[in-house]
Amino acid sequence: MKTATVRELRNQYRSVLSWVEAGEEVMISKRGKIIARLVPEKPKPTKVDWTQSAALKRDRTGMTMLTAEQAKSLLDYSRGNY
């Protein structure tokens, strides 16, 4: 936990903000008394919506998957005669 004065917060807010962004809790003091506390925001857990997955959408369209031989011939064709 770090401590900064009101003056430091006013004059050097970028460095104090970098402390908070790094996960530090910063106590703000005025005339030797703690008057505030800056606490970093906890990240919200993200939920993945697998119903929007490209793999699930592909399976529902009825398209067939390429076999290994078909994929190889397609790759060989795309390389060209260079």
Protein backbone atom coordinates (compact mmCIF):
# COMPACT_ATOMS: atom_id res chain seq x y z
CA MET A 1 0.00 0.00 0.00
CA LYS A 2 1.40 3.38 -1.01
CA THR A 3 0.68 6.81 0.41
CA ALA A 4 0.48 10.12 -1.44
CA THR A 5 -0.36 13.60 -0.25
CA VAL A 6 -3.01 15.78 -1.81
CA ARG A 7 -0.21 17.91 -3.28
CA GLU A 8 1.44 14.86 -4.85
CA LEU A 9 -1.89 13.75 -6.23
CA ARG A 10 -2.46 17.19 -7.75
CA ASN A 11 1.05 17.68 -9.14
CA GLN A 12 2.02 14.11 -10.02
CA TYR A 13 -1.29 12.44 -10.78
CA ARG A 14 0.22 10.37 -13.61
CA SER A 15 2.63 8.56 -11.32
CA VAL A 16 -0.08 8.02 -8.68
CA LEU A 17 -2.42 6.74 -11.39
CA SER A 18 0.28 4.35 -12.61
CA TRP A 19 0.46 2.91 -9.09
CA VAL A 20 -3.29 2.28 -9.13
CA GLU A 21 -3.11 0.78 -12.62
CA ALA A 22 -0.38 -1.56 -11.39
CA GLY A 23 -2.76 -2.86 -8.70
CA GLU A 24 -1.53 -0.79 -5.76
CA GLU A 25 -3.91 0.66 -3.21
CA VAL A 26 -3.02 4.32 -2.59
CA MET A 27 -3.90 6.20 0.59
CA ILE A 28 -4.33 9.97 0.15
CA SER A 29 -3.33 12.11 3.10
CA LYS A 30 -3.93 15.75 3.94
CA ARG A 31 -2.00 17.33 6.79
CA GLY A 32 -0.93 13.91 8.01
CA LYS A 33 -4.42 12.39 8.13
CA ILE A 34 -5.68 9.82 5.66
CA ILE A 35 -8.69 11.31 3.88
CA ALA A 36 -9.20 8.97 0.93
CA ARG A 37 -8.20 5.66 -0.55
CA LEU A 38 -7.73 4.89 -4.25
CA VAL A 39 -8.39 1.25 -5.00
CA PRO A 40 -7.94 -0.36 -8.44
CA GLU A 41 -11.10 -1.65 -10.05
CA LYS A 42 -11.37 -5.43 -10.12
CA PRO A 43 -11.77 -6.76 -13.65
CA LYS A 44 -15.18 -8.17 -14.38
CA PRO A 45 -15.13 -11.80 -15.47
CA THR A 46 -16.00 -12.12 -19.12
CA LYS A 47 -18.51 -14.70 -20.22
CA VAL A 48 -18.09 -16.36 -23.57
CA ASP A 49 -21.24 -16.91 -25.56
CA TRP A 50 -20.47 -20.20 -27.27
CA THR A 51 -23.78 -20.12 -29.13
CA GLN A 52 -22.22 -17.47 -31.38
CA SER A 53 -19.17 -19.64 -32.10
CA ALA A 54 -18.16 -19.95 -35.73
CA ALA A 55 -17.70 -23.70 -35.31
CA LEU A 56 -21.28 -24.15 -34.13
CA LYS A 57 -22.62 -21.98 -36.92
CA ARG A 58 -20.65 -23.97 -39.49
CA ASP A 59 -22.03 -27.28 -38.26
CA ARG A 60 -25.58 -26.00 -38.59
CA THR A 61 -25.22 -24.85 -42.21
CA GLY A 62 -24.84 -28.36 -43.58
CA MET A 63 -21.47 -27.64 -45.21
CA THR A 64 -19.11 -30.58 -45.45
CA MET A 65 -15.59 -30.50 -44.10
CA LEU A 66 -12.66 -30.95 -46.49
CA THR A 67 -10.78 -34.19 -46.29
CA ALA A 68 -7.01 -34.15 -45.80
CA GLU A 69 -6.45 -34.94 -49.49
CA GLN A 70 -8.79 -32.17 -50.62
CA ALA A 71 -7.11 -29.65 -48.32
CA LYS A 72 -3.65 -30.69 -49.59
CA SER A 73 -4.68 -30.35 -53.22
CA LEU A 74 -6.23 -26.95 -52.54
CA LEU A 75 -3.05 -25.74 -50.84
CA ASP A 76 -0.87 -27.11 -53.65
CA TYR A 77 -3.08 -25.36 -56.22
CA SER A 78 -2.91 -22.05 -54.36
CA ARG A 79 0.92 -22.15 -54.30
CA GLY A 80 1.03 -22.00 -58.07
CA ASN A 81 3.99 -22.72 -60.35
CA TYR A 82 6.46 -20.20 -58.96
